[in-house]
Amino acid sequence: MFEEIKEKFTKIGIIPVVVLDDVKDAHPLGKALMNGGLPAAEVTFRTEAAEEAIRIMSKDFPDMLVGAGTVLTCEQADRAMAAGAKFIVAPGFNPTVVKHCLEKGYPVTPGVQTPSEMEQAMELGLDFVKFFPAEPAGGLAMIKACAAPYTKLKFMPTGGINKDNVRDYLGYNKIVACGGTWMVKGDLIKAGNFAEVEEMTRQAAEIVKEIRG
């Protein structure tokens, strides 16, 4: 399952990182992402609507890669997977949560920033981590520096990734996918402007095609 998820991440290239305040937005957002060509969403557990949003999007769009982000506890991981999440993402490296996910068979991508955290992730058998927050933590230069000694490790940079710098990230072969928020901005979602979300998603999908073919 882990390899299957990683392959899907690689194919999609940019994973929209979503914050939903209202469950009514889950369906139209999922439709906009699917129509725009990025059939994925990392729904962050920052709001009360997250769990139900995952359930709705997973049910309404079975071909969509819906996962949970900002997972900070084992209980959140269990709730997310029960709601239909196909993967778990955390902003940091919490060994307790990571081990829980691995024991349960949940595909998990913890956040790392330092070589020590990368080694801890590798010690648990992971070869794919989230690099967060990417730009403030040194960006692509930092990832390349860390990839030199950790030759089997691959990354999903998130934080500060946008339409202007995502090409550079996607062009590096140690990056599986990038997490991005620019196509799913909160103000667009709250305004119900899903046509704009779809258009920006389409533009992001075109960048993936341009860089990765």
N, C-alpha and C. Protein backbone atom coordinates (compact mmCIF):
# COMPACT_ATOMS: atom_id res chain seq x y z
N MET A 1 0.83 -1.21 0.00
CA MET A 1 0.00 0.00 0.00
C MET A 1 0.87 1.26 0.00
N PHE A 2 1.97 1.23 0.75
CA PHE A 2 2.85 2.39 0.82
C PHE A 2 3.39 2.75 -0.55
N GLU A 3 3.87 1.74 -1.29
CA GLU A 3 4.44 1.99 -2.61
C GLU A 3 3.38 2.46 -3.59
N GLU A 4 2.18 1.92 -3.46
CA GLU A 4 1.08 2.32 -4.34
C GLU A 4 0.74 3.80 -4.14
N ILE A 5 0.69 4.21 -2.88
CA ILE A 5 0.40 5.62 -2.59
C ILE A 5 1.51 6.52 -3.12
N LYS A 6 2.75 6.11 -2.93
CA LYS A 6 3.88 6.91 -3.41
C LYS A 6 3.85 7.04 -4.93
N GLU A 7 3.48 5.98 -5.61
CA GLU A 7 3.37 6.03 -7.07
C GLU A 7 2.28 7.01 -7.50
N LYS A 8 1.18 7.02 -6.77
CA LYS A 8 0.10 7.95 -7.09
C LYS A 8 0.53 9.39 -6.83
N PHE A 9 1.23 9.61 -5.73
CA PHE A 9 1.76 10.93 -5.45
C PHE A 9 2.65 11.40 -6.59
N THR A 10 3.52 10.52 -7.05
CA THR A 10 4.47 10.86 -8.11
C THR A 10 3.73 11.24 -9.39
N LYS A 11 2.70 10.49 -9.70
CA LYS A 11 1.93 10.75 -10.93
C LYS A 11 1.18 12.08 -10.85
N ILE A 12 0.59 12.37 -9.68
CA ILE A 12 -0.18 13.60 -9.52
C ILE A 12 0.75 14.81 -9.43
N GLY A 13 1.85 14.68 -8.70
CA GLY A 13 2.90 15.72 -8.68
C GLY A 13 2.71 16.84 -7.69
N ILE A 14 1.51 17.40 -7.62
CA ILE A 14 1.20 18.47 -6.67
C ILE A 14 -0.03 18.04 -5.87
N ILE A 15 0.13 17.97 -4.56
CA ILE A 15 -0.96 17.56 -3.69
C ILE A 15 -1.57 18.80 -3.04
N PRO A 16 -2.80 19.15 -3.38
CA PRO A 16 -3.44 20.31 -2.75
C PRO A 16 -3.62 20.09 -1.24
N VAL A 17 -3.17 21.04 -0.46
CA VAL A 17 -3.29 20.97 1.00
C VAL A 17 -4.47 21.86 1.40
N VAL A 18 -5.51 21.22 1.92
CA VAL A 18 -6.81 21.86 2.07
C VAL A 18 -7.17 22.12 3.53
N VAL A 19 -7.66 23.32 3.81
CA VAL A 19 -8.24 23.65 5.11
C VAL A 19 -9.72 23.96 4.87
N LEU A 20 -10.60 23.13 5.41
CA LEU A 20 -12.03 23.32 5.22
C LEU A 20 -12.71 23.67 6.54
N ASP A 21 -13.42 24.76 6.56
CA ASP A 21 -14.15 25.18 7.75
C ASP A 21 -15.59 24.69 7.76
N ASP A 22 -16.09 24.34 6.58
CA ASP A 22 -17.50 23.95 6.46
C ASP A 22 -17.61 22.72 5.56
N VAL A 23 -18.30 21.69 6.04
CA VAL A 23 -18.40 20.44 5.28
C VAL A 23 -19.14 20.62 3.96
N LYS A 24 -19.94 21.66 3.85
CA LYS A 24 -20.69 21.88 2.61
C LYS A 24 -19.75 22.14 1.43
N ASP A 25 -18.52 22.54 1.74
CA ASP A 25 -17.57 22.85 0.68
C ASP A 25 -16.80 21.61 0.19
N ALA A 26 -16.95 20.49 0.88
CA ALA A 26 -16.16 19.31 0.55
C ALA A 26 -16.46 18.79 -0.86
N HIS A 27 -17.73 18.64 -1.18
CA HIS A 27 -18.09 18.10 -2.50
C HIS A 27 -17.68 19.03 -3.64
N PRO A 28 -18.07 20.31 -3.62
CA PRO A 28 -17.68 21.18 -4.73
C PRO A 28 -16.16 21.34 -4.85
N LEU A 29 -15.46 21.29 -3.74
CA LEU A 29 -14.00 21.38 -3.82
C LEU A 29 -13.43 20.13 -4.47
N GLY A 30 -13.92 18.96 -4.04
CA GLY A 30 -13.46 17.72 -4.65
C GLY A 30 -13.71 17.70 -6.14
N LYS A 31 -14.87 18.18 -6.54
CA LYS A 31 -15.22 18.23 -7.97
C LYS A 31 -14.28 19.15 -8.73
N ALA A 32 -13.96 20.31 -8.14
CA ALA A 32 -13.06 21.27 -8.78
C ALA A 32 -11.65 20.68 -8.95
N LEU A 33 -11.18 19.98 -7.94
CA LEU A 33 -9.84 19.38 -8.02
C LEU A 33 -9.81 18.26 -9.06
N MET A 34 -10.84 17.45 -9.07
CA MET A 34 -10.91 16.37 -10.06
C MET A 34 -10.97 16.93 -11.48
N ASN A 35 -11.86 17.90 -11.69
CA ASN A 35 -12.01 18.49 -13.02
C ASN A 35 -10.75 19.23 -13.45
N GLY A 36 -10.04 19.80 -12.47
CA GLY A 36 -8.83 20.55 -12.79
C GLY A 36 -7.61 19.69 -13.07
N GLY A 37 -7.69 18.42 -12.74
CA GLY A 37 -6.59 17.52 -13.09
C GLY A 37 -5.62 17.18 -11.97
N LEU A 38 -5.98 17.55 -10.73
CA LEU A 38 -5.19 17.13 -9.57
C LEU A 38 -6.12 16.33 -8.66
N PRO A 39 -6.27 15.04 -8.91
CA PRO A 39 -7.24 14.23 -8.17
C PRO A 39 -6.73 13.81 -6.80
N ALA A 40 -6.44 14.78 -5.96
CA ALA A 40 -5.89 14.51 -4.63
C ALA A 40 -6.21 15.66 -3.69
N ALA A 41 -6.24 15.35 -2.40
CA ALA A 41 -6.41 16.39 -1.39
C ALA A 41 -5.85 15.90 -0.06
N GLU A 42 -5.02 16.73 0.54
CA GLU A 42 -4.57 16.48 1.91
C GLU A 42 -5.42 17.40 2.79
N VAL A 43 -6.45 16.83 3.39
CA VAL A 43 -7.39 17.61 4.20
C VAL A 43 -6.82 17.72 5.62
N THR A 44 -6.48 18.93 6.02
CA THR A 44 -5.80 19.11 7.30
C THR A 44 -6.77 19.03 8.48
N PHE A 45 -6.30 18.38 9.54
CA PHE A 45 -7.09 18.21 10.75
C PHE A 45 -6.99 19.45 11.65
N ARG A 46 -7.04 20.62 11.03
CA ARG A 46 -6.99 21.87 11.79
C ARG A 46 -8.38 22.36 12.17
N THR A 47 -9.40 21.78 11.54
CA THR A 47 -10.76 22.25 11.77
C THR A 47 -11.68 21.10 12.15
N GLU A 48 -12.82 21.45 12.72
CA GLU A 48 -13.80 20.44 13.11
C GLU A 48 -14.43 19.75 11.90
N ALA A 49 -14.34 20.40 10.75
CA ALA A 49 -14.98 19.86 9.54
C ALA A 49 -14.12 18.81 8.84
N ALA A 50 -12.88 18.67 9.24
CA ALA A 50 -11.93 17.83 8.50
C ALA A 50 -12.39 16.38 8.36
N GLU A 51 -12.77 15.77 9.45
CA GLU A 51 -13.13 14.35 9.42
C GLU A 51 -14.30 14.08 8.48
N GLU A 52 -15.37 14.87 8.61
CA GLU A 52 -16.53 14.67 7.75
C GLU A 52 -16.22 15.03 6.30
N ALA A 53 -15.36 16.02 6.10
CA ALA A 53 -14.97 16.40 4.73
C ALA A 53 -14.24 15.24 4.05
N ILE A 54 -13.38 14.58 4.79
CA ILE A 54 -12.68 13.40 4.24
C ILE A 54 -13.68 12.32 3.88
N ARG A 55 -14.66 12.12 4.75
CA ARG A 55 -15.67 11.09 4.50
C ARG A 55 -16.46 11.41 3.23
N ILE A 56 -16.86 12.66 3.07
CA ILE A 56 -17.65 13.07 1.91
C ILE A 56 -16.84 12.95 0.62
N MET A 57 -15.63 13.46 0.63
CA MET A 57 -14.81 13.45 -0.58
C MET A 57 -14.44 12.03 -0.98
N SER A 58 -14.15 11.19 0.00
CA SER A 58 -13.79 9.80 -0.29
C SER A 58 -14.97 9.04 -0.89
N LYS A 59 -16.17 9.32 -0.38
CA LYS A 59 -17.37 8.64 -0.86
C LYS A 59 -17.80 9.15 -2.23
N ASP A 60 -17.80 10.48 -2.39
CA ASP A 60 -18.29 11.07 -3.63
C ASP A 60 -17.31 10.94 -4.79
N PHE A 61 -16.02 10.82 -4.47
CA PHE A 61 -15.00 10.74 -5.52
C PHE A 61 -14.06 9.57 -5.22
N PRO A 62 -14.51 8.35 -5.47
CA PRO A 62 -13.73 7.17 -5.12
C PRO A 62 -12.37 7.07 -5.82
N ASP A 63 -12.22 7.75 -6.94
CA ASP A 63 -10.93 7.72 -7.65
C ASP A 63 -9.98 8.80 -7.17
N MET A 64 -10.41 9.58 -6.22
CA MET A 64 -9.59 10.67 -5.71
C MET A 64 -8.71 10.18 -4.56
N LEU A 65 -7.47 10.66 -4.51
CA LEU A 65 -6.54 10.30 -3.44
C LEU A 65 -6.74 11.29 -2.29
N VAL A 66 -7.60 10.92 -1.35
CA VAL A 66 -7.93 11.80 -0.23
C VAL A 66 -7.19 11.33 1.02
N GLY A 67 -6.48 12.24 1.65
CA GLY A 67 -5.76 11.90 2.87
C GLY A 67 -5.94 12.95 3.94
N ALA A 68 -5.33 12.72 5.08
CA ALA A 68 -5.43 13.64 6.21
C ALA A 68 -4.08 14.26 6.51
N GLY A 69 -4.08 15.57 6.70
CA GLY A 69 -2.86 16.28 7.06
C GLY A 69 -2.95 16.86 8.46
N THR A 70 -1.85 17.40 8.94
CA THR A 70 -1.77 17.97 10.29
C THR A 70 -2.28 16.97 11.33
N VAL A 71 -1.91 15.72 11.15
CA VAL A 71 -2.29 14.67 12.10
C VAL A 71 -1.27 14.67 13.23
N LEU A 72 -1.73 14.99 14.43
CA LEU A 72 -0.83 15.17 15.57
C LEU A 72 -0.94 14.07 16.61
N THR A 73 -2.01 13.26 16.54
CA THR A 73 -2.22 12.22 17.54
C THR A 73 -2.62 10.91 16.88
N CYS A 74 -2.47 9.83 17.64
CA CYS A 74 -2.89 8.51 17.16
C CYS A 74 -4.40 8.47 16.96
N GLU A 75 -5.12 9.15 17.85
CA GLU A 75 -6.57 9.19 17.76
C GLU A 75 -7.03 9.88 16.47
N GLN A 76 -6.37 10.95 16.10
CA GLN A 76 -6.70 11.63 14.85
C GLN A 76 -6.43 10.73 13.66
N ALA A 77 -5.32 10.00 13.70
CA ALA A 77 -4.99 9.08 12.61
C ALA A 77 -6.07 8.02 12.45
N ASP A 78 -6.53 7.47 13.56
CA ASP A 78 -7.59 6.45 13.51
C ASP A 78 -8.88 7.02 12.95
N ARG A 79 -9.25 8.22 13.39
CA ARG A 79 -10.48 8.85 12.90
C ARG A 79 -10.38 9.14 11.41
N ALA A 80 -9.22 9.61 10.97
CA ALA A 80 -9.03 9.93 9.56
C ALA A 80 -9.16 8.70 8.68
N MET A 81 -8.52 7.62 9.07
CA MET A 81 -8.57 6.40 8.27
C MET A 81 -9.97 5.80 8.28
N ALA A 82 -10.65 5.88 9.43
CA ALA A 82 -12.02 5.38 9.51
C ALA A 82 -12.96 6.18 8.60
N ALA A 83 -12.63 7.45 8.40
CA ALA A 83 -13.44 8.32 7.54
C ALA A 83 -13.17 8.09 6.06
N GLY A 84 -12.10 7.33 5.76
CA GLY A 84 -11.81 7.03 4.36
C GLY A 84 -10.49 7.57 3.85
N ALA A 85 -9.70 8.19 4.72
CA ALA A 85 -8.39 8.71 4.28
C ALA A 85 -7.51 7.57 3.78
N LYS A 86 -6.79 7.84 2.72
CA LYS A 86 -5.89 6.83 2.15
C LYS A 86 -4.45 7.02 2.59
N PHE A 87 -4.16 8.14 3.22
CA PHE A 87 -2.81 8.39 3.73
C PHE A 87 -2.86 9.40 4.86
N ILE A 88 -1.79 9.41 5.65
CA ILE A 88 -1.67 10.30 6.80
C ILE A 88 -0.41 11.14 6.63
N VAL A 89 -0.53 12.45 6.87
CA VAL A 89 0.61 13.35 6.81
C VAL A 89 0.68 14.14 8.12
N ALA A 90 1.88 14.29 8.64
CA ALA A 90 2.07 15.07 9.87
C ALA A 90 3.05 16.20 9.61
N PRO A 91 2.92 17.30 10.32
CA PRO A 91 3.85 18.42 10.12
C PRO A 91 5.22 18.17 10.72
N GLY A 92 5.28 17.30 11.72
CA GLY A 92 6.55 17.00 12.38
C GLY A 92 6.74 15.51 12.54
N PHE A 93 7.86 15.14 13.18
CA PHE A 93 8.16 13.73 13.39
C PHE A 93 7.87 13.35 14.83
N ASN A 94 6.73 12.72 15.04
CA ASN A 94 6.33 12.22 16.35
C ASN A 94 6.44 10.70 16.31
N PRO A 95 7.47 10.12 16.93
CA PRO A 95 7.67 8.67 16.85
C PRO A 95 6.46 7.86 17.28
N THR A 96 5.73 8.34 18.29
CA THR A 96 4.55 7.61 18.77
C THR A 96 3.49 7.50 17.68
N VAL A 97 3.21 8.62 17.01
CA VAL A 97 2.20 8.63 15.95
C VAL A 97 2.67 7.82 14.75
N VAL A 98 3.93 7.98 14.37
CA VAL A 98 4.46 7.24 13.22
C VAL A 98 4.41 5.74 13.46
N LYS A 99 4.85 5.31 14.63
CA LYS A 99 4.83 3.87 14.95
C LYS A 99 3.40 3.34 14.98
N HIS A 100 2.48 4.12 15.51
CA HIS A 100 1.07 3.72 15.54
C HIS A 100 0.55 3.50 14.13
N CYS A 101 0.85 4.44 13.24
CA CYS A 101 0.39 4.33 11.85
C CYS A 101 0.99 3.11 11.17
N LEU A 102 2.27 2.89 11.38
CA LEU A 102 2.94 1.75 10.76
C LEU A 102 2.37 0.43 11.27
N GLU A 103 2.11 0.36 12.57
CA GLU A 103 1.53 -0.86 13.16
C GLU A 103 0.13 -1.14 12.61
N LYS A 104 -0.60 -0.06 12.31
CA LYS A 104 -1.96 -0.19 11.78
C LYS A 104 -1.98 -0.38 10.26
N GLY A 105 -0.82 -0.20 9.64
CA GLY A 105 -0.76 -0.32 8.19
C GLY A 105 -1.18 0.93 7.45
N TYR A 106 -1.18 2.09 8.14
CA TYR A 106 -1.55 3.34 7.49
C TYR A 106 -0.33 3.90 6.74
N PRO A 107 -0.46 4.27 5.47
CA PRO A 107 0.61 4.99 4.80
C PRO A 107 0.82 6.35 5.48
N VAL A 108 1.99 6.58 6.02
CA VAL A 108 2.24 7.80 6.80
C VAL A 108 3.47 8.52 6.29
N THR A 109 3.36 9.84 6.20
CA THR A 109 4.47 10.69 5.77
C THR A 109 4.67 11.76 6.82
N PRO A 110 5.62 11.55 7.74
CA PRO A 110 5.87 12.56 8.77
C PRO A 110 6.69 13.71 8.24
N GLY A 111 6.58 14.85 8.90
CA GLY A 111 7.37 16.01 8.53
C GLY A 111 8.74 15.96 9.19
N VAL A 112 9.76 16.33 8.42
CA VAL A 112 11.12 16.40 8.94
C VAL A 112 11.76 17.70 8.47
N GLN A 113 12.81 18.08 9.17
CA GLN A 113 13.53 19.29 8.80
C GLN A 113 15.03 19.13 8.96
N THR A 114 15.43 18.18 9.81
CA THR A 114 16.86 18.00 10.11
C THR A 114 17.33 16.61 9.73
N PRO A 115 18.65 16.45 9.54
CA PRO A 115 19.20 15.11 9.28
C PRO A 115 18.86 14.12 10.39
N SER A 116 18.84 14.57 11.63
CA SER A 116 18.52 13.66 12.74
C SER A 116 17.10 13.11 12.61
N GLU A 117 16.15 13.96 12.24
CA GLU A 117 14.78 13.50 12.05
C GLU A 117 14.68 12.56 10.85
N MET A 118 15.44 12.85 9.82
CA MET A 118 15.44 11.98 8.64
C MET A 118 15.95 10.59 9.01
N GLU A 119 16.99 10.55 9.82
CA GLU A 119 17.53 9.26 10.23
C GLU A 119 16.55 8.49 11.11
N GLN A 120 15.81 9.21 11.95
CA GLN A 120 14.81 8.55 12.77
C GLN A 120 13.70 7.94 11.90
N ALA A 121 13.32 8.66 10.87
CA ALA A 121 12.30 8.16 9.95
C ALA A 121 12.82 6.92 9.22
N MET A 122 14.05 6.98 8.78
CA MET A 122 14.64 5.84 8.08
C MET A 122 14.78 4.63 9.00
N GLU A 123 15.06 4.90 10.27
CA GLU A 123 15.20 3.82 11.25
C GLU A 123 13.89 3.04 11.40
N LEU A 124 12.77 3.74 11.18
CA LEU A 124 11.46 3.08 11.26
C LEU A 124 11.03 2.47 9.92
N GLY A 125 11.91 2.53 8.94
CA GLY A 125 11.64 1.90 7.66
C GLY A 125 11.04 2.79 6.60
N LEU A 126 10.97 4.10 6.87
CA LEU A 126 10.39 5.02 5.90
C LEU A 126 11.45 5.49 4.89
N ASP A 127 11.03 5.62 3.65
CA ASP A 127 11.93 6.17 2.63
C ASP A 127 11.32 7.38 1.93
N PHE A 128 10.22 7.90 2.52
CA PHE A 128 9.50 9.03 1.94
C PHE A 128 9.01 9.91 3.07
N VAL A 129 9.46 11.16 3.10
CA VAL A 129 9.11 12.07 4.19
C VAL A 129 8.65 13.41 3.64
N LYS A 130 7.93 14.13 4.48
CA LYS A 130 7.53 15.49 4.16
C LYS A 130 8.63 16.43 4.66
N PHE A 131 9.05 17.36 3.82
CA PHE A 131 10.03 18.36 4.26
C PHE A 131 9.26 19.64 4.53
N PHE A 132 9.20 20.02 5.81
CA PHE A 132 8.31 21.12 6.22
C PHE A 132 8.92 21.94 7.35
N PRO A 133 8.75 23.28 7.31
CA PRO A 133 8.23 24.08 6.19
C PRO A 133 9.34 24.29 5.16
N ALA A 134 9.09 23.91 3.94
CA ALA A 134 10.14 23.79 2.94
C ALA A 134 10.96 25.06 2.71
N GLU A 135 10.31 26.13 2.31
CA GLU A 135 11.06 27.34 1.98
C GLU A 135 11.77 27.95 3.18
N PRO A 136 11.11 28.12 4.34
CA PRO A 136 11.81 28.68 5.50
C PRO A 136 12.96 27.79 5.98
N ALA A 137 12.88 26.49 5.70
CA ALA A 137 13.89 25.55 6.19
C ALA A 137 15.06 25.35 5.22
N GLY A 138 15.09 26.13 4.16
CA GLY A 138 16.23 26.03 3.25
C GLY A 138 15.88 25.61 1.84
N GLY A 139 14.62 25.26 1.63
CA GLY A 139 14.15 24.97 0.29
C GLY A 139 14.85 23.84 -0.42
N LEU A 140 14.92 23.96 -1.72
CA LEU A 140 15.48 22.92 -2.57
C LEU A 140 16.96 22.68 -2.27
N ALA A 141 17.69 23.73 -1.95
CA ALA A 141 19.12 23.58 -1.64
C ALA A 141 19.32 22.68 -0.43
N MET A 142 18.47 22.85 0.60
CA MET A 142 18.56 22.01 1.79
C MET A 142 18.21 20.57 1.47
N ILE A 143 17.18 20.37 0.66
CA ILE A 143 16.78 19.01 0.28
C ILE A 143 17.92 18.32 -0.47
N LYS A 144 18.54 19.02 -1.41
CA LYS A 144 19.64 18.43 -2.17
C LYS A 144 20.82 18.09 -1.27
N ALA A 145 21.09 18.95 -0.32
CA ALA A 145 22.20 18.69 0.61
C ALA A 145 21.94 17.45 1.44
N CYS A 146 20.70 17.28 1.89
CA CYS A 146 20.36 16.12 2.72
C CYS A 146 20.23 14.85 1.88
N ALA A 147 19.82 14.99 0.64
CA ALA A 147 19.67 13.81 -0.22
C ALA A 147 21.01 13.18 -0.56
N ALA A 148 22.09 13.95 -0.46
CA ALA A 148 23.41 13.41 -0.81
C ALA A 148 23.81 12.23 0.08
N PRO A 149 23.75 12.35 1.42
CA PRO A 149 24.08 11.20 2.25
C PRO A 149 22.94 10.18 2.38
N TYR A 150 21.71 10.64 2.25
CA TYR A 150 20.56 9.74 2.40
C TYR A 150 20.02 9.40 1.02
N THR A 151 20.74 8.55 0.34
CA THR A 151 20.50 8.32 -1.09
C THR A 151 19.15 7.67 -1.41
N LYS A 152 18.55 6.97 -0.44
CA LYS A 152 17.29 6.28 -0.71
C LYS A 152 16.07 7.07 -0.25
N LEU A 153 16.32 8.22 0.36
CA LEU A 153 15.22 9.01 0.91
C LEU A 153 14.63 9.93 -0.15
N LYS A 154 13.31 10.00 -0.19
CA LYS A 154 12.63 10.92 -1.10
C LYS A 154 11.71 11.84 -0.29
N PHE A 155 11.33 12.95 -0.92
CA PHE A 155 10.72 14.05 -0.16
C PHE A 155 9.43 14.56 -0.78
N MET A 156 8.57 15.11 0.09
CA MET A 156 7.42 15.89 -0.34
C MET A 156 7.52 17.26 0.35
N PRO A 157 8.15 18.23 -0.29
CA PRO A 157 8.26 19.56 0.30
C PRO A 157 6.92 20.25 0.35
N THR A 158 6.65 20.89 1.47
CA THR A 158 5.40 21.63 1.68
C THR A 158 5.71 22.85 2.55
N GLY A 159 5.10 23.97 2.21
CA GLY A 159 5.34 25.20 2.97
C GLY A 159 6.14 26.19 2.14
N GLY A 160 5.45 27.17 1.59
CA GLY A 160 6.11 28.16 0.76
C GLY A 160 6.24 27.76 -0.70
N ILE A 161 5.66 26.61 -1.06
CA ILE A 161 5.67 26.19 -2.46
C ILE A 161 4.55 26.93 -3.19
N ASN A 162 4.87 27.47 -4.36
CA ASN A 162 3.87 28.21 -5.13
C ASN A 162 4.10 28.01 -6.62
N LYS A 163 3.26 28.63 -7.41
CA LYS A 163 3.33 28.43 -8.86
C LYS A 163 4.62 28.95 -9.46
N ASP A 164 5.34 29.83 -8.74
CA ASP A 164 6.58 30.39 -9.28
C ASP A 164 7.81 29.53 -8.99
N ASN A 165 7.78 28.74 -7.91
CA ASN A 165 8.97 27.94 -7.58
C ASN A 165 8.75 26.44 -7.69
N VAL A 166 7.50 26.01 -7.94
CA VAL A 166 7.22 24.58 -7.93
C VAL A 166 7.95 23.83 -9.05
N ARG A 167 8.22 24.50 -10.17
CA ARG A 167 8.92 23.84 -11.26
C ARG A 167 10.30 23.35 -10.82
N ASP A 168 11.00 24.18 -10.07
CA ASP A 168 12.34 23.81 -9.61
C ASP A 168 12.28 22.56 -8.72
N TYR A 169 11.30 22.53 -7.84
CA TYR A 169 11.16 21.37 -6.95
C TYR A 169 10.81 20.11 -7.75
N LEU A 170 9.82 20.21 -8.63
CA LEU A 170 9.37 19.05 -9.39
C LEU A 170 10.45 18.50 -10.31
N GLY A 171 11.38 19.35 -10.69
CA GLY A 171 12.44 18.91 -11.59
C GLY A 171 13.52 18.09 -10.92
N TYR A 172 13.51 18.02 -9.59
CA TYR A 172 14.53 17.27 -8.87
C TYR A 172 14.04 15.85 -8.62
N ASN A 173 14.86 14.86 -8.97
CA ASN A 173 14.40 13.47 -8.98
C ASN A 173 14.19 12.85 -7.60
N LYS A 174 14.56 13.53 -6.53
CA LYS A 174 14.33 13.00 -5.19
C LYS A 174 13.02 13.51 -4.58
N ILE A 175 12.30 14.29 -5.37
CA ILE A 175 11.02 14.83 -4.90
C ILE A 175 9.87 14.05 -5.54
N VAL A 176 9.08 13.41 -4.70
CA VAL A 176 7.95 12.61 -5.17
C VAL A 176 6.81 13.53 -5.60
N ALA A 177 6.48 14.48 -4.74
CA ALA A 177 5.42 15.44 -5.03
C ALA A 177 5.62 16.66 -4.14
N CYS A 178 4.91 17.73 -4.46
CA CYS A 178 4.95 18.94 -3.64
C CYS A 178 3.57 19.18 -3.04
N GLY A 179 3.54 19.62 -1.80
CA GLY A 179 2.28 20.03 -1.21
C GLY A 179 2.07 21.51 -1.49
N GLY A 180 0.86 21.88 -1.90
CA GLY A 180 0.61 23.28 -2.24
C GLY A 180 -0.76 23.75 -1.81
N THR A 181 -0.86 25.03 -1.52
CA THR A 181 -2.14 25.60 -1.08
C THR A 181 -2.67 26.68 -2.02
N TRP A 182 -1.85 27.10 -2.98
CA TRP A 182 -2.23 28.29 -3.75
C TRP A 182 -3.47 28.08 -4.61
N MET A 183 -3.78 26.85 -4.98
CA MET A 183 -4.97 26.61 -5.80
C MET A 183 -6.22 26.36 -4.95
N VAL A 184 -6.03 26.25 -3.62
CA VAL A 184 -7.16 26.00 -2.73
C VAL A 184 -7.18 27.03 -1.58
N LYS A 185 -6.98 28.27 -1.94
CA LYS A 185 -6.94 29.34 -0.94
C LYS A 185 -8.26 29.44 -0.18
N GLY A 186 -8.13 29.71 1.11
CA GLY A 186 -9.30 29.76 1.97
C GLY A 186 -10.34 30.77 1.54
N ASP A 187 -9.89 31.93 1.04
CA ASP A 187 -10.86 32.96 0.66
C ASP A 187 -11.68 32.52 -0.56
N LEU A 188 -11.06 31.77 -1.47
CA LEU A 188 -11.80 31.26 -2.64
C LEU A 188 -12.85 30.25 -2.21
N ILE A 189 -12.46 29.36 -1.29
CA ILE A 189 -13.38 28.33 -0.82
C ILE A 189 -14.54 28.96 -0.07
N LYS A 190 -14.24 29.89 0.83
CA LYS A 190 -15.30 30.53 1.62
C LYS A 190 -16.26 31.32 0.74
N ALA A 191 -15.73 31.87 -0.35
CA ALA A 191 -16.57 32.63 -1.28
C ALA A 191 -17.34 31.73 -2.24
N GLY A 192 -17.05 30.43 -2.19
CA GLY A 192 -17.71 29.50 -3.10
C GLY A 192 -17.24 29.64 -4.53
N ASN A 193 -16.05 30.20 -4.71
CA ASN A 193 -15.52 30.42 -6.06
C ASN A 193 -14.76 29.19 -6.54
N PHE A 194 -15.49 28.11 -6.76
CA PHE A 194 -14.85 26.86 -7.13
C PHE A 194 -14.44 26.84 -8.61
N ALA A 195 -15.00 27.74 -9.40
CA ALA A 195 -14.56 27.87 -10.79
C ALA A 195 -13.11 28.35 -10.83
N GLU A 196 -12.77 29.29 -9.95
CA GLU A 196 -11.39 29.78 -9.87
C GLU A 196 -10.46 28.71 -9.32
N VAL A 197 -10.95 27.97 -8.33
CA VAL A 197 -10.16 26.85 -7.80
C VAL A 197 -9.85 25.86 -8.91
N GLU A 198 -10.86 25.54 -9.70
CA GLU A 198 -10.66 24.59 -10.80
C GLU A 198 -9.66 25.12 -11.82
N GLU A 199 -9.75 26.40 -12.15
CA GLU A 199 -8.83 26.98 -13.12
C GLU A 199 -7.40 26.98 -12.60
N MET A 200 -7.20 27.36 -11.34
CA MET A 200 -5.85 27.37 -10.77
C MET A 200 -5.31 25.96 -10.63
N THR A 201 -6.20 25.01 -10.36
CA THR A 201 -5.80 23.60 -10.30
C THR A 201 -5.36 23.12 -11.67
N ARG A 202 -6.09 23.53 -12.69
CA ARG A 202 -5.73 23.15 -14.06
C ARG A 202 -4.35 23.71 -14.43
N GLN A 203 -4.09 24.92 -14.03
CA GLN A 203 -2.78 25.53 -14.31
C GLN A 203 -1.66 24.78 -13.59
N ALA A 204 -1.94 24.36 -12.35
CA ALA A 204 -0.94 23.60 -11.59
C ALA A 204 -0.70 22.24 -12.24
N ALA A 205 -1.76 21.60 -12.70
CA ALA A 205 -1.63 20.30 -13.36
C ALA A 205 -0.81 20.42 -14.64
N GLU A 206 -0.97 21.54 -15.34
CA GLU A 206 -0.19 21.78 -16.57
C GLU A 206 1.30 21.91 -16.26
N ILE A 207 1.62 22.50 -15.10
CA ILE A 207 3.02 22.62 -14.70
C ILE A 207 3.62 21.23 -14.48
N VAL A 208 2.84 20.35 -13.85
CA VAL A 208 3.33 18.97 -13.64
C VAL A 208 3.61 18.31 -14.98
N LYS A 209 2.69 18.45 -15.93
CA LYS A 209 2.88 17.86 -17.27
C LYS A 209 4.10 18.45 -17.96
N GLU A 210 4.27 19.76 -17.80
CA GLU A 210 5.40 20.45 -18.43
C GLU A 210 6.73 19.92 -17.92
N ILE A 211 6.82 19.68 -16.63
CA ILE A 211 8.09 19.26 -16.02
C ILE A 211 8.30 17.76 -16.10
N ARG A 212 7.23 17.00 -15.92
CA ARG A 212 7.39 15.54 -15.82
C ARG A 212 6.84 14.75 -17.02
N GLY A 213 6.17 15.47 -17.90
CA GLY A 213 5.68 14.81 -19.11
C GLY A 213 4.43 13.98 -18.91
